[in-house]
Structure formats: C-alpha cells, structure tokens
C-alpha cells in the first residue's frame, strides 16, 4: 500500500506541475495555482498521515492481543500434538 500511495502522490504532483507549467498563462497565475495545489496536497498528506497514525495505534492496541491469542493457540496445538504423539507411542508399545 505504501508503494501505491507513493506512486499515486508522485503522479499527482508531476502531472499537476506539468499541466500548470505548460498552460498558456502568466507566470504569476501559474505560481498561484502551484501554491494552491501544493497546499491542497499538503492537506491531503496530513489527512493520510493522521489515518496512518490511527491505524498504527489500532494495531498497537489490538495487535498485541492478537499476537497473544496466536501464541496461545500455537502452544495448545503443540501440546495436543505432543499428547497425541505420546499416546500413539504408548499404544504402539
């Protein structure tokens, strides 16, 4: 997702800059448009950064519990497999 977002933002920046620079307008108007677009992009990046922070916090809060759950489940499976193995060996003897 990081690469896709980076590519999207890079494309937006380059495409917008090229369109503005190649447009037949006065330099002052072009600079105003570039500044406006840069401000819009900065706002969007702030929104995306905040969203990323929220997702990280959620993972930090819930991810730890999920890891504990996975660990417990894995330990239970190992214990069950060990019991089954020992039972099989004892029955075979």
Foldseek 3Di string as FASTA:
>chain_A
DVVVVVVVLVCVLVVLLVVLVPDPDDPVVSVVSNVVVVVVSVVVVVVVVVVVVVVVVVCVVVVVVVVVVVVVVVVVVVVVVVVVVVVVVVVVD
